[in-house]
Amino acid sequence: MNKDDYDEQPRGGTQDERLLETPRGDEFLHTDTWRVFRIMGEFVQGFEDLAHITNGVAIFGSARTPPDDPEYKAAQETGALFARNGIPVITGGGPGIMEAANRGAFETGGTSIGCNIELPHEQKSNDYLTLSLKFKYFFVRKMMFVKYSDAFIIFPGGFGTLDELFEALTLIQTHKIHNFPVVLYGSRYWQGMLEWLRGPMLGEAKIVEEDLKRLHGTDSPEEIVEIVLRFQRSLKRNG
């Protein structure tokens, strides 16, 4: 690896990058302190916009999945099934799996929410949203997914999808949030990861059996929705 490998993007391209840069001299006196107010404002706006959302589900997956892909069709069906059961669908608001889930909910007449993010290369919001939000900071956006969702539905995706998956598992494992369903769609896609979790990770006691039970795998949109409905019914019984 050489220096050029680190210079593909100019520095300071997004608000997250500017926030996480090491301050130069007394620069922080004029920048970082004031960013706190921008961050605070983003939290306040998100809380206000989503205050009416209860019992939602967050659906994640690749932005690169085309509309003719079976996974797109499955995510669209999943969004529609949630909408028919009165459950709001929350995604990252972009293309691919996000668009599919929003589309299913939107075309069924349900609540379809997109929490988009500012990126160096603009990610356009999809056309199937009843409520569209845009965030500058990833950590603020992540808070909205966790706060307003009763489940995380994980379709095949890349680094961003894995980030949301393992963040949710970590928060549940450490009891920072209540134990909600984390559902993996696409058994073939996730097979290698699950074998690794059950193999060296569990075998070397990096996790315990209980941690693996937090994951539900399926190839059925109907089963995804039934898992979530069963969980929501249990909340009502115990609440």
Protein backbone atom coordinates (compact mmCIF):
# COMPACT_ATOMS: atom_id res chain seq x y z
CA MET A 1 0.00 0.00 0.00
CA ASN A 2 1.36 3.45 -0.88
CA LYS A 3 0.38 7.02 -0.22
CA ASP A 4 -1.83 7.21 -3.31
CA ASP A 5 -4.12 4.57 -1.80
CA TYR A 6 -5.13 7.12 0.84
CA ASP A 7 -5.61 10.06 -1.52
CA GLU A 8 -8.56 8.95 -3.63
CA GLN A 9 -10.88 11.51 -1.97
CA PRO A 10 -10.11 15.08 -0.94
CA ARG A 11 -10.10 15.67 2.80
CA GLY A 12 -13.02 17.38 4.48
CA GLY A 13 -15.63 16.27 1.95
CA THR A 14 -18.49 15.57 4.38
CA GLN A 15 -19.60 16.88 7.76
CA ASP A 16 -18.61 13.55 9.37
CA GLU A 17 -15.11 13.80 7.91
CA ARG A 18 -14.67 17.39 9.06
CA LEU A 19 -15.87 16.48 12.55
CA LEU A 20 -13.46 13.54 12.82
CA GLU A 21 -10.40 15.32 11.45
CA THR A 22 -7.60 15.96 13.94
CA PRO A 23 -7.68 19.69 14.80
CA ARG A 24 -4.75 21.80 13.60
CA GLY A 25 -3.46 24.22 16.22
CA ASP A 26 -6.32 26.19 17.80
CA GLU A 27 -8.65 25.44 14.88
CA PHE A 28 -11.01 23.49 17.14
CA LEU A 29 -11.86 26.73 18.95
CA HIS A 30 -13.48 28.01 15.77
CA THR A 31 -14.96 24.81 14.32
CA ASP A 32 -15.57 21.72 16.48
CA THR A 33 -17.23 23.56 19.36
CA TRP A 34 -19.77 25.13 17.03
CA ARG A 35 -20.44 21.85 15.27
CA VAL A 36 -22.07 20.68 18.50
CA PHE A 37 -24.97 23.02 17.75
CA ARG A 38 -25.35 21.68 14.23
CA ILE A 39 -25.36 18.12 15.60
CA MET A 40 -27.89 19.10 18.26
CA GLY A 41 -30.10 20.69 15.62
CA GLU A 42 -29.97 17.55 13.50
CA PHE A 43 -31.06 15.41 16.46
CA VAL A 44 -33.90 17.83 17.28
CA GLN A 45 -35.13 17.90 13.67
CA GLY A 46 -35.05 14.14 13.40
CA PHE A 47 -36.92 13.66 16.67
CA GLU A 48 -39.58 16.17 15.59
CA ASP A 49 -40.05 14.65 12.15
CA LEU A 50 -40.34 11.09 13.47
CA ALA A 51 -42.18 11.74 16.73
CA HIS A 52 -45.39 10.17 15.37
CA ILE A 53 -43.67 6.92 14.28
CA THR A 54 -44.23 3.87 16.50
CA ASN A 55 -43.52 0.17 15.93
CA GLY A 56 -41.59 0.76 12.72
CA VAL A 57 -39.08 -1.57 11.07
CA ALA A 58 -35.76 -0.61 9.51
CA ILE A 59 -34.83 -2.39 6.29
CA PHE A 60 -31.23 -2.39 5.05
CA GLY A 61 -29.49 -3.75 1.98
CA SER A 62 -27.41 -2.89 -1.04
CA ALA A 63 -27.97 0.37 -2.90
CA ARG A 64 -26.71 -1.44 -6.02
CA THR A 65 -29.48 -4.02 -6.33
CA PRO A 66 -31.34 -3.44 -9.65
CA PRO A 67 -35.15 -3.60 -9.96
CA ASP A 68 -35.06 -6.86 -11.93
CA ASP A 69 -33.15 -8.67 -9.17
CA PRO A 70 -35.13 -11.25 -7.12
CA GLU A 71 -33.82 -9.61 -3.95
CA TYR A 72 -35.35 -6.29 -5.03
CA LYS A 73 -38.67 -8.05 -5.59
CA ALA A 74 -38.44 -9.72 -2.17
CA ALA A 75 -37.70 -6.41 -0.43
CA GLN A 76 -40.60 -4.79 -2.27
CA GLU A 77 -42.92 -7.58 -1.15
CA THR A 78 -41.63 -7.26 2.41
CA GLY A 79 -42.34 -3.52 2.45
CA ALA A 80 -45.85 -4.14 1.13
CA LEU A 81 -46.58 -6.81 3.74
CA PHE A 82 -45.45 -4.52 6.54
CA ALA A 83 -47.63 -1.72 5.18
CA ARG A 84 -50.69 -4.01 5.05
CA ASN A 85 -50.11 -4.72 8.74
CA GLY A 86 -49.89 -1.02 9.60
CA ILE A 87 -46.14 -1.11 10.27
CA PRO A 88 -44.06 1.88 9.08
CA VAL A 89 -41.07 1.03 6.87
CA ILE A 90 -37.84 2.97 7.46
CA THR A 91 -34.84 2.78 5.11
CA GLY A 92 -31.80 4.82 4.17
CA GLY A 93 -33.95 6.41 1.49
CA GLY A 94 -31.67 5.59 -1.45
CA PRO A 95 -31.81 3.19 -4.40
CA GLY A 96 -31.59 -0.61 -4.55
CA ILE A 97 -33.02 -2.56 -1.62
CA MET A 98 -33.95 0.69 0.13
CA GLU A 99 -36.03 1.81 -2.84
CA ALA A 100 -37.63 -1.62 -3.11
CA ALA A 101 -38.79 -1.68 0.52
CA ASN A 102 -40.03 1.91 0.34
CA ARG A 103 -41.77 1.17 -2.95
CA GLY A 104 -43.62 -1.79 -1.51
CA ALA A 105 -44.86 0.24 1.46
CA PHE A 106 -45.64 3.35 -0.61
CA GLU A 107 -47.61 1.58 -3.34
CA THR A 108 -49.63 -0.27 -0.69
CA GLY A 109 -50.60 3.01 0.95
CA GLY A 110 -48.41 2.61 4.03
CA THR A 111 -45.91 4.84 5.80
CA SER A 112 -42.63 4.87 3.87
CA ILE A 113 -39.73 6.76 5.45
CA GLY A 114 -36.29 7.52 4.03
CA CYS A 115 -33.41 8.67 6.23
CA ASN A 116 -30.87 9.73 3.64
CA ILE A 117 -27.27 10.80 4.26
CA GLU A 118 -25.00 13.46 2.80
CA LEU A 119 -22.24 11.76 0.80
CA PRO A 120 -19.34 13.09 -1.32
CA HIS A 121 -21.18 11.69 -4.34
CA GLU A 122 -24.79 12.71 -3.83
CA GLN A 123 -27.19 9.85 -3.08
CA LYS A 124 -30.57 10.81 -4.46
CA SER A 125 -33.64 9.93 -2.45
CA ASN A 126 -35.89 7.39 -4.10
CA ASP A 127 -39.36 8.31 -5.34
CA TYR A 128 -41.37 6.17 -2.92
CA LEU A 129 -41.33 8.13 0.33
CA THR A 130 -44.15 9.58 2.41
CA LEU A 131 -41.51 11.21 4.63
CA SER A 132 -37.98 12.08 3.55
CA LEU A 133 -35.22 13.18 5.94
CA LYS A 134 -31.62 14.02 5.16
CA PHE A 135 -28.75 13.84 7.65
CA LYS A 136 -25.19 15.14 7.61
CA TYR A 137 -23.91 12.81 10.33
CA PHE A 138 -24.03 9.02 10.20
CA PHE A 139 -24.30 8.65 13.97
CA VAL A 140 -27.38 10.89 14.12
CA ARG A 141 -29.00 8.91 11.30
CA LYS A 142 -28.19 5.62 13.06
CA MET A 143 -29.91 6.86 16.19
CA MET A 144 -33.12 7.37 14.21
CA PHE A 145 -33.07 3.82 12.87
CA VAL A 146 -32.64 2.35 16.35
CA LYS A 147 -35.02 4.70 18.16
CA TYR A 148 -37.99 4.28 15.84
CA SER A 149 -37.68 0.60 14.90
CA ASP A 150 -38.87 -2.62 16.52
CA ALA A 151 -36.71 -4.75 14.22
CA PHE A 152 -33.82 -4.61 11.76
CA ILE A 153 -34.35 -6.48 8.48
CA ILE A 154 -31.04 -7.12 6.72
CA PHE A 155 -31.05 -7.91 3.01
CA PRO A 156 -27.83 -8.73 1.13
CA GLY A 157 -25.55 -5.71 1.05
CA GLY A 158 -22.05 -4.37 1.54
CA PHE A 159 -20.09 -2.51 4.22
CA GLY A 160 -22.93 -0.15 5.15
CA THR A 161 -25.35 -3.03 5.59
CA LEU A 162 -22.86 -4.95 7.74
CA ASP A 163 -22.24 -1.82 9.79
CA GLU A 164 -25.94 -1.52 10.65
CA LEU A 165 -26.18 -5.27 11.35
CA PHE A 166 -23.30 -5.46 13.79
CA GLU A 167 -24.08 -2.16 15.46
CA ALA A 168 -27.56 -3.47 16.29
CA LEU A 169 -26.15 -6.76 17.58
CA THR A 170 -23.61 -4.92 19.71
CA LEU A 171 -26.23 -2.62 21.24
CA ILE A 172 -28.46 -5.59 22.05
CA GLN A 173 -25.59 -7.68 23.42
CA THR A 174 -24.46 -4.86 25.73
CA HIS A 175 -28.06 -4.12 26.84
CA LYS A 176 -27.95 -0.58 25.49
CA ILE A 177 -31.24 -1.30 23.71
CA HIS A 178 -33.94 -3.91 24.22
CA ASN A 179 -33.60 -7.22 22.44
CA PHE A 180 -35.45 -6.83 19.14
CA PRO A 181 -35.47 -9.12 16.08
CA VAL A 182 -32.55 -8.94 13.65
CA VAL A 183 -33.59 -10.82 10.53
CA LEU A 184 -31.26 -11.87 7.71
CA TYR A 185 -32.92 -12.37 4.34
CA GLY A 186 -31.14 -14.63 1.86
CA SER A 187 -29.73 -17.80 3.43
CA ARG A 188 -27.25 -18.41 0.62
CA TYR A 189 -25.78 -14.92 0.84
CA TRP A 190 -25.32 -15.00 4.61
CA GLN A 191 -24.23 -18.65 4.87
CA GLY A 192 -20.48 -17.97 4.94
CA MET A 193 -20.79 -15.28 7.60
CA LEU A 194 -22.99 -17.47 9.79
CA GLU A 195 -20.56 -20.38 9.47
CA TRP A 196 -17.76 -18.08 10.59
CA LEU A 197 -19.81 -16.84 13.55
CA ARG A 198 -20.66 -20.41 14.59
CA GLY A 199 -17.12 -21.61 13.87
CA PRO A 200 -14.09 -19.64 15.06
CA MET A 201 -16.01 -16.83 16.74
CA LEU A 202 -18.20 -19.08 18.90
CA GLY A 203 -15.57 -21.83 19.10
CA GLU A 204 -13.01 -19.44 20.56
CA ALA A 205 -15.60 -17.98 22.96
CA LYS A 206 -15.55 -14.53 21.35
CA ILE A 207 -19.35 -14.73 21.52
CA VAL A 208 -21.77 -17.04 23.32
CA GLU A 209 -24.61 -19.18 22.01
CA GLU A 210 -27.15 -16.63 23.19
CA ASP A 211 -25.64 -14.05 20.85
CA LEU A 212 -26.30 -16.26 17.83
CA LYS A 213 -29.93 -16.71 18.87
CA ARG A 214 -30.45 -13.01 18.24
CA LEU A 215 -30.19 -13.65 14.48
CA HIS A 216 -33.10 -15.00 12.46
CA GLY A 217 -32.47 -16.28 8.94
CA THR A 218 -35.13 -16.70 6.26
CA ASP A 219 -35.86 -16.69 2.53
CA SER A 220 -39.48 -15.70 2.98
CA PRO A 221 -40.91 -12.14 3.16
CA GLU A 222 -43.96 -13.61 4.92
CA GLU A 223 -41.76 -15.12 7.62
CA ILE A 224 -39.94 -11.81 8.10
CA VAL A 225 -43.23 -10.08 8.84
CA GLU A 226 -44.46 -12.90 11.07
CA ILE A 227 -41.27 -12.71 13.17
CA VAL A 228 -41.84 -8.99 13.70
CA LEU A 229 -45.55 -9.34 14.41
CA ARG A 230 -44.87 -12.09 16.92
CA PHE A 231 -42.35 -9.84 18.66
CA GLN A 232 -44.74 -6.88 18.72
CA ARG A 233 -47.50 -9.06 20.16
CA SER A 234 -45.14 -10.19 22.93
CA LEU A 235 -44.37 -6.55 23.74
CA LYS A 236 -48.05 -5.81 24.12
CA ARG A 237 -48.59 -8.83 26.38
CA ASN A 238 -45.65 -7.91 28.58
CA GLY A 239 -46.21 -4.17 28.46
